Amino acid sequence: AFSSGKVSSINPLTYQEISSSQSHSNEVTSFVISNGALLSAACDGMIVRYPQALHNGSLHNATHLIAVGSPVLCMASLHYDGVSYLATGDHDANVTLWYMEQPQHRKQQQQQQQQN
């Protein structure tokens, strides 16, 4: 049921708020789960990572992951051939594909460079 632009709960026992965070300075537009973490995107042009959200329900210790530069209207987490990507669509009509580098992959690259 809608009342004055606000959503009222049909069954208040269905969900219980466990954490809240104001990590963006503008409207939040999208959420995805990527690499074991919750990500949010917003009209402030930022993508924020909540590293503890899926582990203990905490939205604290949020970190700004990517500055897109334009309001982010949509976001998707994509996995192909063992690699994680993030796709964003922004207000300037850009579709951007981001490579989600794994720390282990970075260590392997550094070791290979040191061997060469």
PDB file of N, CA and C in Angstrom:
ATOM      1  N   ALA A   1       0.839  -1.180   0.000  1.00  0.00           N
ATOM      2  CA  ALA A   1       0.000   0.000   0.000  1.00  0.00           C
ATOM      3  C   ALA A   1       0.884   1.243   0.000  1.00  0.00           C
ATOM      4  N   PHE A   2       0.479   2.264  -0.747  1.00  0.00           N
ATOM      5  CA  PHE A   2       1.260   3.488  -0.831  1.00  0.00           C
ATOM      6  C   PHE A   2       0.495   4.611  -0.146  1.00  0.00           C
ATOM      7  N   SER A   3       1.262   5.440   0.552  1.00  0.00           N
ATOM      8  CA  SER A   3       0.655   6.567   1.253  1.00  0.00           C
ATOM      9  C   SER A   3       1.623   7.736   1.229  1.00  0.00           C
ATOM     10  N   SER A   4       1.246   8.829   0.620  1.00  0.00           N
ATOM     11  CA  SER A   4       2.069  10.042   0.551  1.00  0.00           C
ATOM     12  C   SER A   4       3.466   9.776   0.010  1.00  0.00           C
ATOM     13  N   GLY A   5       3.582   8.902  -0.979  1.00  0.00           N
ATOM     14  CA  GLY A   5       4.878   8.631  -1.573  1.00  0.00           C
ATOM     15  C   GLY A   5       5.757   7.686  -0.788  1.00  0.00           C
ATOM     16  N   LYS A   6       5.287   7.187   0.324  1.00  0.00           N
ATOM     17  CA  LYS A   6       6.064   6.262   1.135  1.00  0.00           C
ATOM     18  C   LYS A   6       5.428   4.881   1.083  1.00  0.00           C
ATOM     19  N   VAL A   7       6.258   3.861   1.151  1.00  0.00           N
ATOM     20  CA  VAL A   7       5.765   2.492   1.130  1.00  0.00           C
ATOM     21  C   VAL A   7       5.491   2.051   2.556  1.00  0.00           C
ATOM     22  N   SER A   8       4.313   1.539   2.783  1.00  0.00           N
ATOM     23  CA  SER A   8       4.014   0.985   4.102  1.00  0.00           C
ATOM     24  C   SER A   8       4.038  -0.532   3.990  1.00  0.00           C
ATOM     25  N   SER A   9       4.522  -1.180   5.009  1.00  0.00           N
ATOM     26  CA  SER A   9       4.686  -2.626   4.983  1.00  0.00           C
ATOM     27  C   SER A   9       3.340  -3.332   5.036  1.00  0.00           C
ATOM     28  N   ILE A  10       3.168  -4.319   4.169  1.00  0.00           N
ATOM     29  CA  ILE A  10       1.945  -5.121   4.182  1.00  0.00           C
ATOM     30  C   ILE A  10       2.015  -6.123   5.322  1.00  0.00           C
ATOM     31  N   ASN A  11       3.168  -6.755   5.498  1.00  0.00           N
ATOM     32  CA  ASN A  11       3.378  -7.707   6.583  1.00  0.00           C
ATOM     33  C   ASN A  11       4.640  -7.290   7.330  1.00  0.00           C
ATOM     34  N   PRO A  12       4.521  -6.578   8.444  1.00  0.00           N
ATOM     35  CA  PRO A  12       5.698  -6.049   9.148  1.00  0.00           C
ATOM     36  C   PRO A  12       6.628  -7.136   9.703  1.00  0.00           C
ATOM     37  N   LEU A  13       6.210  -8.393   9.715  1.00  0.00           N
ATOM     38  CA  LEU A  13       7.064  -9.451  10.234  1.00  0.00           C
ATOM     39  C   LEU A  13       7.941 -10.077   9.150  1.00  0.00           C
ATOM     40  N   THR A  14       7.748  -9.685   7.899  1.00  0.00           N
ATOM     41  CA  THR A  14       8.498 -10.272   6.801  1.00  0.00           C
ATOM     42  C   THR A  14       9.977  -9.894   6.854  1.00  0.00           C
ATOM     43  N   TYR A  15      10.289  -8.622   7.061  1.00  0.00           N
ATOM     44  CA  TYR A  15      11.667  -8.131   7.091  1.00  0.00           C
ATOM     45  C   TYR A  15      11.904  -7.320   8.348  1.00  0.00           C
ATOM     46  N   GLN A  16      13.107  -7.411   8.842  1.00  0.00           N
ATOM     47  CA  GLN A  16      13.512  -6.626  10.006  1.00  0.00           C
ATOM     48  C   GLN A  16      14.791  -5.886   9.640  1.00  0.00           C
ATOM     49  N   GLU A  17      14.815  -4.580   9.869  1.00  0.00           N
ATOM     50  CA  GLU A  17      16.018  -3.808   9.554  1.00  0.00           C
ATOM     51  C   GLU A  17      17.146  -4.229  10.484  1.00  0.00           C
ATOM     52  N   ILE A  18      18.306  -4.551   9.896  1.00  0.00           N
ATOM     53  CA  ILE A  18      19.444  -4.952  10.718  1.00  0.00           C
ATOM     54  C   ILE A  18      20.592  -3.963  10.649  1.00  0.00           C
ATOM     55  N   SER A  19      20.629  -3.121   9.619  1.00  0.00           N
ATOM     56  CA  SER A  19      21.698  -2.135   9.503  1.00  0.00           C
ATOM     57  C   SER A  19      21.284  -1.067   8.508  1.00  0.00           C
ATOM     58  N   SER A  20      21.806   0.129   8.696  1.00  0.00           N
ATOM     59  CA  SER A  20      21.510   1.235   7.806  1.00  0.00           C
ATOM     60  C   SER A  20      22.761   2.107   7.705  1.00  0.00           C
ATOM     61  N   SER A  21      22.967   2.689   6.525  1.00  0.00           N
ATOM     62  CA  SER A  21      24.150   3.515   6.313  1.00  0.00           C
ATOM     63  C   SER A  21      23.835   4.566   5.266  1.00  0.00           C
ATOM     64  N   GLN A  22      24.311   5.780   5.467  1.00  0.00           N
ATOM     65  CA  GLN A  22      24.160   6.813   4.454  1.00  0.00           C
ATOM     66  C   GLN A  22      25.524   6.999   3.798  1.00  0.00           C
ATOM     67  N   SER A  23      25.813   6.140   2.830  1.00  0.00           N
ATOM     68  CA  SER A  23      27.123   6.107   2.186  1.00  0.00           C
ATOM     69  C   SER A  23      27.180   6.952   0.923  1.00  0.00           C
ATOM     70  N   HIS A  24      26.039   7.374   0.428  1.00  0.00           N
ATOM     71  CA  HIS A  24      25.974   8.175  -0.796  1.00  0.00           C
ATOM     72  C   HIS A  24      25.431   9.559  -0.471  1.00  0.00           C
ATOM     73  N   SER A  25      25.700  10.505  -1.361  1.00  0.00           N
ATOM     74  CA  SER A  25      25.199  11.866  -1.174  1.00  0.00           C
ATOM     75  C   SER A  25      23.990  12.159  -2.059  1.00  0.00           C
ATOM     76  N   ASN A  26      23.498  11.130  -2.762  1.00  0.00           N
ATOM     77  CA  ASN A  26      22.368  11.311  -3.655  1.00  0.00           C
ATOM     78  C   ASN A  26      21.603   9.995  -3.749  1.00  0.00           C
ATOM     79  N   GLU A  27      20.541   9.956  -4.553  1.00  0.00           N
ATOM     80  CA  GLU A  27      19.680   8.777  -4.626  1.00  0.00           C
ATOM     81  C   GLU A  27      20.443   7.504  -4.983  1.00  0.00           C
ATOM     82  N   VAL A  28      20.145   6.428  -4.260  1.00  0.00           N
ATOM     83  CA  VAL A  28      20.706   5.113  -4.543  1.00  0.00           C
ATOM     84  C   VAL A  28      19.861   4.479  -5.643  1.00  0.00           C
ATOM     85  N   THR A  29      20.524   3.930  -6.659  1.00  0.00           N
ATOM     86  CA  THR A  29      19.799   3.414  -7.821  1.00  0.00           C
ATOM     87  C   THR A  29      19.904   1.908  -8.015  1.00  0.00           C
ATOM     88  N   SER A  30      20.955   1.282  -7.455  1.00  0.00           N
ATOM     89  CA  SER A  30      21.168  -0.121  -7.783  1.00  0.00           C
ATOM     90  C   SER A  30      21.999  -0.827  -6.717  1.00  0.00           C
ATOM     91  N   PHE A  31      21.755  -2.128  -6.571  1.00  0.00           N
ATOM     92  CA  PHE A  31      22.545  -2.990  -5.690  1.00  0.00           C
ATOM     93  C   PHE A  31      22.914  -4.254  -6.442  1.00  0.00           C
ATOM     94  N   VAL A  32      24.105  -4.784  -6.193  1.00  0.00           N
ATOM     95  CA  VAL A  32      24.511  -6.086  -6.698  1.00  0.00           C
ATOM     96  C   VAL A  32      25.394  -6.756  -5.656  1.00  0.00           C
ATOM     97  N   ILE A  33      25.529  -8.063  -5.795  1.00  0.00           N
ATOM     98  CA  ILE A  33      26.494  -8.817  -5.006  1.00  0.00           C
ATOM     99  C   ILE A  33      27.612  -9.199  -5.960  1.00  0.00           C
ATOM    100  N   SER A  34      28.839  -8.832  -5.605  1.00  0.00           N
ATOM    101  CA  SER A  34      29.984  -9.118  -6.450  1.00  0.00           C
ATOM    102  C   SER A  34      31.177  -9.483  -5.580  1.00  0.00           C
ATOM    103  N   ASN A  35      31.819 -10.590  -5.908  1.00  0.00           N
ATOM    104  CA  ASN A  35      33.000 -11.053  -5.175  1.00  0.00           C
ATOM    105  C   ASN A  35      32.757 -11.124  -3.677  1.00  0.00           C
ATOM    106  N   GLY A  36      31.596 -11.598  -3.293  1.00  0.00           N
ATOM    107  CA  GLY A  36      31.285 -11.798  -1.885  1.00  0.00           C
ATOM    108  C   GLY A  36      30.956 -10.547  -1.101  1.00  0.00           C
ATOM    109  N   ALA A  37      30.709  -9.444  -1.784  1.00  0.00           N
ATOM    110  CA  ALA A  37      30.372  -8.195  -1.089  1.00  0.00           C
ATOM    111  C   ALA A  37      29.166  -7.538  -1.751  1.00  0.00           C
ATOM    112  N   LEU A  38      28.451  -6.757  -0.972  1.00  0.00           N
ATOM    113  CA  LEU A  38      27.330  -5.971  -1.472  1.00  0.00           C
ATOM    114  C   LEU A  38      27.871  -4.659  -2.020  1.00  0.00           C
ATOM    115  N   LEU A  39      27.421  -4.272  -3.220  1.00  0.00           N
ATOM    116  CA  LEU A  39      27.798  -2.998  -3.826  1.00  0.00           C
ATOM    117  C   LEU A  39      26.541  -2.180  -4.061  1.00  0.00           C
ATOM    118  N   SER A  40      26.658  -0.869  -3.899  1.00  0.00           N
ATOM    119  CA  SER A  40      25.552   0.025  -4.232  1.00  0.00           C
ATOM    120  C   SER A  40      26.051   1.092  -5.198  1.00  0.00           C
ATOM    121  N   ALA A  41      25.144   1.563  -6.046  1.00  0.00           N
ATOM    122  CA  ALA A  41      25.447   2.639  -6.989  1.00  0.00           C
ATOM    123  C   ALA A  41      24.420   3.734  -6.783  1.00  0.00           C
ATOM    124  N   ALA A  42      24.804   4.966  -7.116  1.00  0.00           N
ATOM    125  CA  ALA A  42      23.897   6.081  -6.854  1.00  0.00           C
ATOM    126  C   ALA A  42      24.078   7.200  -7.867  1.00  0.00           C
ATOM    127  N   CYS A  43      23.181   8.169  -7.785  1.00  0.00           N
ATOM    128  CA  CYS A  43      23.229   9.344  -8.656  1.00  0.00           C
ATOM    129  C   CYS A  43      24.383  10.277  -8.315  1.00  0.00           C
ATOM    130  N   ASP A  44      25.118   9.998  -7.241  1.00  0.00           N
ATOM    131  CA  ASP A  44      26.310  10.795  -6.928  1.00  0.00           C
ATOM    132  C   ASP A  44      27.517  10.339  -7.753  1.00  0.00           C
ATOM    133  N   GLY A  45      27.325   9.305  -8.608  1.00  0.00           N
ATOM    134  CA  GLY A  45      28.393   8.821  -9.459  1.00  0.00           C
ATOM    135  C   GLY A  45      29.354   7.867  -8.787  1.00  0.00           C
ATOM    136  N   MET A  46      29.008   7.398  -7.599  1.00  0.00           N
ATOM    137  CA  MET A  46      29.901   6.520  -6.844  1.00  0.00           C
ATOM    138  C   MET A  46      29.340   5.105  -6.750  1.00  0.00           C
ATOM    139  N   ILE A  47      30.252   4.137  -6.717  1.00  0.00           N
ATOM    140  CA  ILE A  47      29.913   2.759  -6.388  1.00  0.00           C
ATOM    141  C   ILE A  47      30.593   2.470  -5.059  1.00  0.00           C
ATOM    142  N   VAL A  48      29.798   2.030  -4.100  1.00  0.00           N
ATOM    143  CA  VAL A  48      30.272   1.803  -2.732  1.00  0.00           C
ATOM    144  C   VAL A  48      30.233   0.316  -2.424  1.00  0.00           C
ATOM    145  N   ARG A  49      31.260  -0.164  -1.744  1.00  0.00           N
ATOM    146  CA  ARG A  49      31.362  -1.570  -1.342  1.00  0.00           C
ATOM    147  C   ARG A  49      31.131  -1.681   0.165  1.00  0.00           C
ATOM    148  N   TYR A  50      30.293  -2.647   0.544  1.00  0.00           N
ATOM    149  CA  TYR A  50      30.003  -2.934   1.947  1.00  0.00           C
ATOM    150  C   TYR A  50      30.592  -4.312   2.256  1.00  0.00           C
ATOM    151  N   PRO A  51      31.834  -4.382   2.743  1.00  0.00           N
ATOM    152  CA  PRO A  51      32.537  -5.655   2.875  1.00  0.00           C
ATOM    153  C   PRO A  51      31.947  -6.615   3.903  1.00  0.00           C
ATOM    154  N   GLN A  52      31.216  -6.119   4.887  1.00  0.00           N
ATOM    155  CA  GLN A  52      30.697  -6.973   5.959  1.00  0.00           C
ATOM    156  C   GLN A  52      29.218  -7.299   5.827  1.00  0.00           C
ATOM    157  N   ALA A  53      28.533  -6.715   4.852  1.00  0.00           N
ATOM    158  CA  ALA A  53      27.079  -6.847   4.755  1.00  0.00           C
ATOM    159  C   ALA A  53      26.608  -8.292   4.655  1.00  0.00           C
ATOM    160  N   LEU A  54      27.282  -9.097   3.864  1.00  0.00           N
ATOM    161  CA  LEU A  54      26.840 -10.479   3.661  1.00  0.00           C
ATOM    162  C   LEU A  54      27.351 -11.418   4.747  1.00  0.00           C
ATOM    163  N   HIS A  55      28.331 -10.969   5.516  1.00  0.00           N
ATOM    164  CA  HIS A  55      28.922 -11.823   6.554  1.00  0.00           C
ATOM    165  C   HIS A  55      28.241 -11.646   7.905  1.00  0.00           C
ATOM    166  N   ASN A  56      28.000 -10.387   8.279  1.00  0.00           N
ATOM    167  CA  ASN A  56      27.380 -10.158   9.586  1.00  0.00           C
ATOM    168  C   ASN A  56      26.251  -9.130   9.544  1.00  0.00           C
ATOM    169  N   GLY A  57      25.819  -8.754   8.352  1.00  0.00           N
ATOM    170  CA  GLY A  57      24.694  -7.834   8.222  1.00  0.00           C
ATOM    171  C   GLY A  57      25.035  -6.373   8.464  1.00  0.00           C
ATOM    172  N   SER A  58      26.303  -6.035   8.598  1.00  0.00           N
ATOM    173  CA  SER A  58      26.696  -4.659   8.886  1.00  0.00           C
ATOM    174  C   SER A  58      26.971  -3.876   7.603  1.00  0.00           C
ATOM    175  N   LEU A  59      26.408  -2.692   7.520  1.00  0.00           N
ATOM    176  CA  LEU A  59      26.685  -1.798   6.398  1.00  0.00           C
ATOM    177  C   LEU A  59      27.769  -0.786   6.756  1.00  0.00           C
ATOM    178  N   HIS A  60      28.397  -0.961   7.908  1.00  0.00           N
ATOM    179  CA  HIS A  60      29.469  -0.064   8.336  1.00  0.00           C
ATOM    180  C   HIS A  60      30.760  -0.428   7.608  1.00  0.00           C
ATOM    181  N   ASN A  61      31.757   0.416   7.694  1.00  0.00           N
ATOM    182  CA  ASN A  61      33.040   0.245   7.015  1.00  0.00           C
ATOM    183  C   ASN A  61      32.896   0.213   5.500  1.00  0.00           C
ATOM    184  N   ALA A  62      31.928   0.957   4.993  1.00  0.00           N
ATOM    185  CA  ALA A  62      31.733   1.054   3.544  1.00  0.00           C
ATOM    186  C   ALA A  62      32.910   1.807   2.932  1.00  0.00           C
ATOM    187  N   THR A  63      33.298   1.391   1.732  1.00  0.00           N
ATOM    188  CA  THR A  63      34.394   2.066   1.035  1.00  0.00           C
ATOM    189  C   THR A  63      33.942   2.450  -0.366  1.00  0.00           C
ATOM    190  N   HIS A  64      34.391   3.611  -0.822  1.00  0.00           N
ATOM    191  CA  HIS A  64      34.101   4.040  -2.184  1.00  0.00           C
ATOM    192  C   HIS A  64      34.994   3.232  -3.112  1.00  0.00           C
ATOM    193  N   LEU A  65      34.375   2.454  -3.965  1.00  0.00           N
ATOM    194  CA  LEU A  65      35.095   1.525  -4.823  1.00  0.00           C
ATOM    195  C   LEU A  65      35.448   2.153  -6.173  1.00  0.00           C
ATOM    196  N   ILE A  66      34.471   2.790  -6.807  1.00  0.00           N
ATOM    197  CA  ILE A  66      34.670   3.365  -8.136  1.00  0.00           C
ATOM    198  C   ILE A  66      33.969   4.715  -8.198  1.00  0.00           C
ATOM    199  N   ALA A  67      34.661   5.718  -8.749  1.00  0.00           N
ATOM    200  CA  ALA A  67      34.038   7.011  -9.034  1.00  0.00           C
ATOM    201  C   ALA A  67      33.737   7.033 -10.532  1.00  0.00           C
ATOM    202  N   VAL A  68      32.482   6.855 -10.882  1.00  0.00           N
ATOM    203  CA  VAL A  68      32.081   6.789 -12.286  1.00  0.00           C
ATOM    204  C   VAL A  68      32.116   8.180 -12.917  1.00  0.00           C
ATOM    205  N   GLY A  69      31.755   9.196 -12.150  1.00  0.00           N
ATOM    206  CA  GLY A  69      31.801  10.563 -12.639  1.00  0.00           C
ATOM    207  C   GLY A  69      30.481  11.088 -13.147  1.00  0.00           C
ATOM    208  N   SER A  70      29.531  10.211 -13.377  1.00  0.00           N
ATOM    209  CA  SER A  70      28.202  10.581 -13.832  1.00  0.00           C
ATOM    210  C   SER A  70      27.206   9.765 -13.009  1.00  0.00           C
ATOM    211  N   PRO A  71      26.008  10.259 -12.784  1.00  0.00           N
ATOM    212  CA  PRO A  71      25.042   9.471 -12.013  1.00  0.00           C
ATOM    213  C   PRO A  71      24.876   8.055 -12.573  1.00  0.00           C
ATOM    214  N   VAL A  72      25.037   7.060 -11.710  1.00  0.00           N
ATOM    215  CA  VAL A  72      24.907   5.659 -12.106  1.00  0.00           C
ATOM    216  C   VAL A  72      23.437   5.273 -12.006  1.00  0.00           C
ATOM    217  N   LEU A  73      22.860   4.858 -13.124  1.00  0.00           N
ATOM    218  CA  LEU A  73      21.444   4.516 -13.160  1.00  0.00           C
ATOM    219  C   LEU A  73      21.190   3.027 -12.989  1.00  0.00           C
ATOM    220  N   CYS A  74      22.155   2.202 -13.397  1.00  0.00           N
ATOM    221  CA  CYS A  74      22.000   0.764 -13.231  1.00  0.00           C
ATOM    222  C   CYS A  74      23.370   0.114 -13.139  1.00  0.00           C
ATOM    223  N   MET A  75      23.378  -1.090 -12.575  1.00  0.00           N
ATOM    224  CA  MET A  75      24.633  -1.806 -12.352  1.00  0.00           C
ATOM    225  C   MET A  75      24.324  -3.290 -12.365  1.00  0.00           C
ATOM    226  N   ALA A  76      25.252  -4.093 -12.902  1.00  0.00           N
ATOM    227  CA  ALA A  76      25.084  -5.546 -12.927  1.00  0.00           C
ATOM    228  C   ALA A  76      26.418  -6.203 -12.637  1.00  0.00           C
ATOM    229  N   SER A  77      26.371  -7.293 -11.900  1.00  0.00           N
ATOM    230  CA  SER A  77      27.550  -8.103 -11.629  1.00  0.00           C
ATOM    231  C   SER A  77      27.563  -9.249 -12.632  1.00  0.00           C
ATOM    232  N   LEU A  78      28.660  -9.394 -13.357  1.00  0.00           N
ATOM    233  CA  LEU A  78      28.765 -10.396 -14.396  1.00  0.00           C
ATOM    234  C   LEU A  78      29.954 -11.311 -14.125  1.00  0.00           C
ATOM    235  N   HIS A  79      29.785 -12.593 -14.401  1.00  0.00           N
ATOM    236  CA  HIS A  79      30.868 -13.562 -14.232  1.00  0.00           C
ATOM    237  C   HIS A  79      30.967 -14.366 -15.525  1.00  0.00           C
ATOM    238  N   TYR A  80      32.177 -14.394 -16.097  1.00  0.00           N
ATOM    239  CA  TYR A  80      32.380 -15.140 -17.324  1.00  0.00           C
ATOM    240  C   TYR A  80      33.763 -15.778 -17.289  1.00  0.00           C
ATOM    241  N   ASP A  81      33.803 -17.072 -17.509  1.00  0.00           N
ATOM    242  CA  ASP A  81      35.061 -17.813 -17.593  1.00  0.00           C
ATOM    243  C   ASP A  81      35.935 -17.596 -16.353  1.00  0.00           C
ATOM    244  N   GLY A  82      35.305 -17.574 -15.190  1.00  0.00           N
ATOM    245  CA  GLY A  82      36.027 -17.434 -13.931  1.00  0.00           C
ATOM    246  C   GLY A  82      36.456 -16.020 -13.589  1.00  0.00           C
ATOM    247  N   VAL A  83      36.045 -15.034 -14.373  1.00  0.00           N
ATOM    248  CA  VAL A  83      36.428 -13.642 -14.138  1.00  0.00           C
ATOM    249  C   VAL A  83      35.185 -12.839 -13.774  1.00  0.00           C
ATOM    250  N   SER A  84      35.342 -11.928 -12.809  1.00  0.00           N
ATOM    251  CA  SER A  84      34.232 -11.077 -12.378  1.00  0.00           C
ATOM    252  C   SER A  84      34.334  -9.704 -13.017  1.00  0.00           C
ATOM    253  N   TYR A  85      33.188  -9.231 -13.507  1.00  0.00           N
ATOM    254  CA  TYR A  85      33.089  -7.907 -14.104  1.00  0.00           C
ATOM    255  C   TYR A  85      31.930  -7.162 -13.452  1.00  0.00           C
ATOM    256  N   LEU A  86      31.946  -5.865 -13.581  1.00  0.00           N
ATOM    257  CA  LEU A  86      30.842  -5.024 -13.139  1.00  0.00           C
ATOM    258  C   LEU A  86      30.470  -4.151 -14.328  1.00  0.00           C
ATOM    259  N   ALA A  87      29.198  -4.119 -14.677  1.00  0.00           N
ATOM    260  CA  ALA A  87      28.729  -3.280 -15.779  1.00  0.00           C
ATOM    261  C   ALA A  87      27.883  -2.162 -15.188  1.00  0.00           C
ATOM    262  N   THR A  88      28.111  -0.939 -15.666  1.00  0.00           N
ATOM    263  CA  THR A  88      27.320   0.202 -15.201  1.00  0.00           C
ATOM    264  C   THR A  88      26.728   0.938 -16.397  1.00  0.00           C
ATOM    265  N   GLY A  89      25.589   1.538 -16.162  1.00  0.00           N
ATOM    266  CA  GLY A  89      24.969   2.431 -17.130  1.00  0.00           C
ATOM    267  C   GLY A  89      24.775   3.763 -16.440  1.00  0.00           C
ATOM    268  N   ASP A  90      25.206   4.858 -17.064  1.00  0.00           N
ATOM    269  CA  ASP A  90      25.131   6.147 -16.375  1.00  0.00           C
ATOM    270  C   ASP A  90      24.250   7.157 -17.100  1.00  0.00           C
ATOM    271  N   HIS A  91      24.080   8.283 -16.467  1.00  0.00           N
ATOM    272  CA  HIS A  91      23.207   9.349 -16.948  1.00  0.00           C
ATOM    273  C   HIS A  91      23.683   9.944 -18.266  1.00  0.00           C
ATOM    274  N   ASP A  92      24.983   9.831 -18.567  1.00  0.00           N
ATOM    275  CA  ASP A  92      25.535  10.363 -19.810  1.00  0.00           C
ATOM    276  C   ASP A  92      25.461   9.361 -20.960  1.00  0.00           C
ATOM    277  N   ALA A  93      24.641   8.324 -20.795  1.00  0.00           N
ATOM    278  CA  ALA A  93      24.402   7.288 -21.810  1.00  0.00           C
ATOM    279  C   ALA A  93      25.608   6.383 -22.043  1.00  0.00           C
ATOM    280  N   ASN A  94      26.515   6.301 -21.066  1.00  0.00           N
ATOM    281  CA  ASN A  94      27.674   5.416 -21.172  1.00  0.00           C
ATOM    282  C   ASN A  94      27.362   4.062 -20.551  1.00  0.00           C
ATOM    283  N   VAL A  95      27.782   3.013 -21.225  1.00  0.00           N
ATOM    284  CA  VAL A  95      27.789   1.671 -20.661  1.00  0.00           C
ATOM    285  C   VAL A  95      29.259   1.335 -20.464  1.00  0.00           C
ATOM    286  N   THR A  96      29.644   1.006 -19.225  1.00  0.00           N
ATOM    287  CA  THR A  96      31.045   0.753 -18.905  1.00  0.00           C
ATOM    288  C   THR A  96      31.177  -0.628 -18.290  1.00  0.00           C
ATOM    289  N   LEU A  97      32.188  -1.342 -18.721  1.00  0.00           N
ATOM    290  CA  LEU A  97      32.495  -2.649 -18.172  1.00  0.00           C
ATOM    291  C   LEU A  97      33.759  -2.512 -17.335  1.00  0.00           C
ATOM    292  N   TRP A  98      33.673  -2.920 -16.076  1.00  0.00           N
ATOM    293  CA  TRP A  98      34.782  -2.808 -15.133  1.00  0.00           C
ATOM    294  C   TRP A  98      35.284  -4.217 -14.814  1.00  0.00           C
ATOM    295  N   TYR A  99      36.585  -4.382 -14.794  1.00  0.00           N
ATOM    296  CA  TYR A  99      37.206  -5.658 -14.437  1.00  0.00           C
ATOM    297  C   TYR A  99      37.421  -5.670 -12.934  1.00  0.00           C
ATOM    298  N   MET A 100      36.906  -6.686 -12.271  1.00  0.00           N
ATOM    299  CA  MET A 100      37.032  -6.790 -10.817  1.00  0.00           C
ATOM    300  C   MET A 100      38.243  -7.657 -10.494  1.00  0.00           C
ATOM    301  N   GLU A 101      39.394  -7.018 -10.340  1.00  0.00           N
ATOM    302  CA  GLU A 101      40.636  -7.732 -10.099  1.00  0.00           C
ATOM    303  C   GLU A 101      40.651  -8.351  -8.713  1.00  0.00           C
ATOM    304  N   GLN A 102      41.075  -9.589  -8.645  1.00  0.00           N
ATOM    305  CA  GLN A 102      41.181 -10.317  -7.388  1.00  0.00           C
ATOM    306  C   GLN A 102      42.559 -10.065  -6.783  1.00  0.00           C
ATOM    307  N   PRO A 103      42.655  -9.878  -5.462  1.00  0.00           N
ATOM    308  CA  PRO A 103      43.966  -9.680  -4.829  1.00  0.00           C
ATOM    309  C   PRO A 103      44.944 -10.815  -5.155  1.00  0.00           C
ATOM    310  N   GLN A 104      44.462 -12.046  -5.224  1.00  0.00           N
ATOM    311  CA  GLN A 104      45.322 -13.186  -5.531  1.00  0.00           C
ATOM    312  C   GLN A 104      45.879 -13.057  -6.951  1.00  0.00           C
ATOM    313  N   HIS A 105      45.055 -12.602  -7.889  1.00  0.00           N
ATOM    314  CA  HIS A 105      45.491 -12.397  -9.262  1.00  0.00           C
ATOM    315  C   HIS A 105      46.588 -11.335  -9.314  1.00  0.00           C
ATOM    316  N   ARG A 106      46.434 -10.274  -8.535  1.00  0.00           N
ATOM    317  CA  ARG A 106      47.413  -9.201  -8.483  1.00  0.00           C
ATOM    318  C   ARG A 106      48.749  -9.726  -7.948  1.00  0.00           C
ATOM    319  N   LYS A 107      48.709 -10.572  -6.914  1.00  0.00           N
ATOM    320  CA  LYS A 107      49.930 -11.155  -6.363  1.00  0.00           C
ATOM    321  C   LYS A 107      50.628 -12.028  -7.391  1.00  0.00           C
ATOM    322  N   GLN A 108      49.855 -12.816  -8.149  1.00  0.00           N
ATOM    323  CA  GLN A 108      50.424 -13.668  -9.182  1.00  0.00           C
ATOM    324  C   GLN A 108      51.113 -12.831 -10.264  1.00  0.00           C
ATOM    325  N   GLN A 109      50.485 -11.704 -10.647  1.00  0.00           N
ATOM    326  CA  GLN A 109      51.082 -10.830 -11.652  1.00  0.00           C
ATOM    327  C   GLN A 109      52.393 -10.241 -11.139  1.00  0.00           C
ATOM    328  N   GLN A 110      52.427  -9.817  -9.869  1.00  0.00           N
ATOM    329  CA  GLN A 110      53.632  -9.249  -9.285  1.00  0.00           C
ATOM    330  C   GLN A 110      54.743 -10.284  -9.232  1.00  0.00           C
ATOM    331  N   GLN A 111      54.403 -11.532  -8.883  1.00  0.00           N
ATOM    332  CA  GLN A 111      55.402 -12.592  -8.832  1.00  0.00           C
ATOM    333  C   GLN A 111      55.955 -12.887 -10.216  1.00  0.00           C
ATOM    334  N   GLN A 112      55.101 -12.880 -11.235  1.00  0.00           N
ATOM    335  CA  GLN A 112      55.544 -13.119 -12.605  1.00  0.00           C
ATOM    336  C   GLN A 112      56.479 -12.006 -13.074  1.00  0.00           C
ATOM    337  N   GLN A 113      56.165 -10.768 -12.706  1.00  0.00           N
ATOM    338  CA  GLN A 113      56.990  -9.630 -13.102  1.00  0.00           C
ATOM    339  C   GLN A 113      58.360  -9.702 -12.422  1.00  0.00           C
ATOM    340  N   GLN A 114      58.394 -10.155 -11.167  1.00  0.00           N
ATOM    341  CA  GLN A 114      59.650 -10.254 -10.450  1.00  0.00           C
ATOM    342  C   GLN A 114      60.521 -11.369 -11.027  1.00  0.00           C
ATOM    343  N   GLN A 115      59.896 -12.422 -11.545  1.00  0.00           N
ATOM    344  CA  GLN A 115      60.640 -13.534 -12.130  1.00  0.00           C
ATOM    345  C   GLN A 115      61.245 -13.161 -13.475  1.00  0.00           C
ATOM    346  N   ASN A 116      60.623 -12.225 -14.163  1.00  0.00           N
ATOM    347  CA  ASN A 116      61.097 -11.824 -15.509  1.00  0.00           C
ATOM    348  C   ASN A 116      62.215 -10.847 -15.442  1.00  0.00           C
TER     349      ASN A 116
END
